[in-house]
């Protein structure tokens, strides 16, 4: 018998109550939102529950929404996979844009180590409890986070480029 969305939703709601919400089927992925402070508990529950068995962390990443209120400016997104029933879930947790932090899940999935470091490197998310949270792809001297929307797209000092060739003039007549 295949794992149904209603079973996942019922088990999560029964265990975590109002801390899980906005359940939605998006194409072939069942998604829901959680409060950020419950990330490790929810991930552990999904992994260890004998019926749910989401034993594989496919990905984790961040999205920056600068126009949201400050407490919902960065979204952490976790994708998990149950290989037994070939079922996928997407978990979203919104965090503060001014001081983005969330607990690490490296102690649950070793593969999260690189993904969390990459997310820190590009979005500035502080993963509390991470064993070695430092830049992984960008230079250590870098002071900004290039995937955040406030990061400038172009270097203002460049003289070898003319924006007219890229359709970026003020008067496109």
Protein backbone atom coordinates (compact mmCIF):
# COMPACT_ATOMS: atom_id res chain seq x y z
CA UNK A 1 0.00 0.00 0.00
CA UNK A 2 1.43 3.37 -1.06
CA UNK A 3 2.03 6.11 1.47
CA UNK A 4 -0.82 8.62 1.18
CA UNK A 5 -0.62 12.37 1.80
CA UNK A 6 -3.40 12.11 4.37
CA UNK A 7 -1.31 9.69 6.44
CA UNK A 8 1.67 12.07 6.39
CA UNK A 9 -0.50 15.06 7.26
CA UNK A 10 -2.37 13.25 10.04
CA UNK A 11 0.83 11.94 11.66
CA UNK A 12 2.51 15.35 11.52
CA UNK A 13 -0.54 17.21 12.82
CA UNK A 14 -1.04 14.68 15.60
CA UNK A 15 2.58 15.01 16.71
CA UNK A 16 3.33 18.70 16.09
CA UNK A 17 -0.10 20.35 16.14
CA UNK A 18 -0.12 23.94 14.91
CA UNK A 19 3.62 23.89 14.18
CA UNK A 20 2.89 22.22 10.81
CA UNK A 21 0.50 23.85 8.35
CA UNK A 22 -0.19 24.83 4.70
CA UNK A 23 -0.25 21.26 3.39
CA UNK A 24 -0.30 21.20 -0.39
CA UNK A 25 0.28 18.78 -3.27
CA UNK A 26 2.63 20.43 -5.78
CA UNK A 27 2.96 18.18 -8.83
CA UNK A 28 4.51 14.97 -7.42
CA UNK A 29 5.76 16.52 -4.16
CA UNK A 30 3.68 16.86 -1.00
CA UNK A 31 4.70 20.12 0.68
CA UNK A 32 4.02 21.76 4.01
CA UNK A 33 5.30 24.55 6.19
CA UNK A 34 6.69 24.33 9.72
CA UNK A 35 7.80 26.76 12.39
CA UNK A 36 11.58 27.08 12.16
CA UNK A 37 12.20 26.09 15.78
CA UNK A 38 10.79 22.60 15.08
CA UNK A 39 13.09 21.73 12.16
CA UNK A 40 15.17 19.05 13.88
CA UNK A 41 12.15 17.44 15.55
CA UNK A 42 10.17 17.27 12.29
CA UNK A 43 13.12 15.96 10.25
CA UNK A 44 13.86 13.30 12.89
CA UNK A 45 10.21 12.30 13.03
CA UNK A 46 9.94 11.97 9.24
CA UNK A 47 13.13 9.89 9.14
CA UNK A 48 12.48 7.59 12.10
CA UNK A 49 8.73 7.01 11.97
CA UNK A 50 8.22 3.34 10.92
CA UNK A 51 5.41 4.24 8.51
CA UNK A 52 6.77 7.49 7.01
CA UNK A 53 10.43 6.41 6.53
CA UNK A 54 11.75 9.56 4.80
CA UNK A 55 15.29 8.29 5.07
CA UNK A 56 16.99 10.40 2.41
CA UNK A 57 17.67 14.14 2.41
CA UNK A 58 17.63 15.07 -1.27
CA UNK A 59 18.40 18.75 -0.88
CA UNK A 60 18.23 21.79 1.34
CA UNK A 61 18.46 25.36 0.16
CA UNK A 62 17.28 28.89 0.86
CA UNK A 63 15.20 31.47 -0.99
CA UNK A 64 15.34 35.19 -0.28
CA UNK A 65 12.11 37.21 -0.37
CA UNK A 66 13.21 40.78 0.45
CA UNK A 67 9.68 42.18 0.10
CA UNK A 68 8.27 39.91 2.85
CA UNK A 69 8.09 41.08 6.44
CA UNK A 70 11.48 40.64 8.11
CA UNK A 71 10.50 37.43 9.98
CA UNK A 72 9.64 35.72 6.68
CA UNK A 73 12.35 37.05 4.35
CA UNK A 74 14.33 33.84 4.03
CA UNK A 75 12.75 30.47 3.43
CA UNK A 76 14.63 27.29 4.20
CA UNK A 77 13.50 24.46 1.93
CA UNK A 78 14.18 20.79 2.70
CA UNK A 79 13.42 17.96 0.25
CA UNK A 80 13.16 14.42 1.63
CA UNK A 81 12.51 11.10 -0.09
CA UNK A 82 10.97 7.85 1.10
CA UNK A 83 12.58 5.22 -1.14
CA UNK A 84 10.31 2.41 0.03
CA UNK A 85 7.13 4.09 -1.26
CA UNK A 86 8.86 6.48 -3.70
CA UNK A 87 7.29 9.46 -1.95
CA UNK A 88 8.77 12.95 -1.74
CA UNK A 89 8.07 15.82 0.62
CA UNK A 90 9.11 19.46 0.65
CA UNK A 91 9.36 21.24 4.00
CA UNK A 92 9.45 25.03 4.20
CA UNK A 93 10.49 27.07 7.23
CA UNK A 94 10.59 30.88 7.16
CA UNK A 95 13.33 32.65 9.11
CA UNK A 96 14.35 36.21 9.92
CA UNK A 97 16.10 38.12 7.12
CA UNK A 98 18.12 40.38 9.43
CA UNK A 99 19.52 37.54 11.54
CA UNK A 100 18.92 34.33 9.60
CA UNK A 101 19.48 31.29 11.78
CA UNK A 102 18.09 27.79 12.13
CA UNK A 103 19.28 24.61 13.81
CA UNK A 104 21.58 22.31 11.86
CA UNK A 105 20.43 18.89 10.74
CA UNK A 106 24.00 17.61 10.19
CA UNK A 107 23.58 15.34 13.19
CA UNK A 108 20.59 13.71 11.45
CA UNK A 109 21.89 13.59 7.86
CA UNK A 110 25.66 13.82 7.28
CA UNK A 111 24.97 14.99 3.72
CA UNK A 112 23.49 18.21 5.13
CA UNK A 113 27.00 19.40 6.04
CA UNK A 114 27.91 20.58 2.54
CA UNK A 115 24.41 21.85 1.77
CA UNK A 116 24.28 23.94 4.94
CA UNK A 117 27.73 25.37 4.28
CA UNK A 118 26.70 26.28 0.74
CA UNK A 119 23.50 27.92 2.02
CA UNK A 120 25.53 29.88 4.57
CA UNK A 121 27.99 30.90 1.86
CA UNK A 122 25.33 32.24 -0.50
CA UNK A 123 22.54 33.43 1.84
CA UNK A 124 24.22 34.01 5.21
CA UNK A 125 22.05 31.53 7.11
CA UNK A 126 23.66 30.59 10.43
CA UNK A 127 23.09 26.89 11.10
CA UNK A 128 23.24 26.63 14.88
CA UNK A 129 25.33 23.64 15.95
CA UNK A 130 26.99 23.08 12.57
CA UNK A 131 30.45 21.51 13.11
CA UNK A 132 32.34 23.73 10.63
CA UNK A 133 30.20 26.55 9.28
CA UNK A 134 32.45 28.54 6.96
CA UNK A 135 32.45 29.57 3.32
CA UNK A 136 32.80 26.67 0.94
CA UNK A 137 32.73 28.14 -2.60
CA UNK A 138 33.27 31.90 -2.21
CA UNK A 139 36.38 33.65 -0.87
CA UNK A 140 36.68 33.83 2.91
CA UNK A 141 37.20 37.61 2.64
CA UNK A 142 33.78 38.13 1.06
CA UNK A 143 31.47 40.19 3.29
CA UNK A 144 28.20 39.80 1.36
CA UNK A 145 26.02 36.88 0.37
CA UNK A 146 25.63 36.73 -3.43
CA UNK A 147 22.27 34.95 -3.70
CA UNK A 148 20.46 37.50 -1.55
CA UNK A 149 18.51 39.94 -3.63
CA UNK A 150 20.35 42.99 -2.24
CA UNK A 151 23.61 41.75 -3.76
CA UNK A 152 24.52 43.91 -6.80
CA UNK A 153 24.26 42.07 -10.10
CA UNK A 154 26.92 44.12 -11.84
CA UNK A 155 30.24 45.58 -10.81
CA UNK A 156 29.79 49.34 -11.05
CA UNK A 157 33.48 49.79 -11.84
CA UNK A 158 33.49 47.73 -15.02
CA UNK A 159 34.32 49.60 -18.19
CA UNK A 160 34.42 46.64 -20.59
CA UNK A 161 30.65 46.30 -20.78
CA UNK A 162 27.95 48.46 -22.24
CA UNK A 163 24.45 47.76 -20.91
CA UNK A 164 22.93 48.93 -24.21
CA UNK A 165 24.05 45.63 -25.76
CA UNK A 166 22.01 43.73 -23.19
CA UNK A 167 18.76 45.68 -23.54
CA UNK A 168 19.22 47.48 -20.25
CA UNK A 169 18.94 51.12 -21.20
CA UNK A 170 16.54 53.55 -19.63
CA UNK A 171 15.04 54.63 -22.94
CA UNK A 172 14.46 51.49 -25.03
CA UNK A 173 12.88 53.36 -27.94
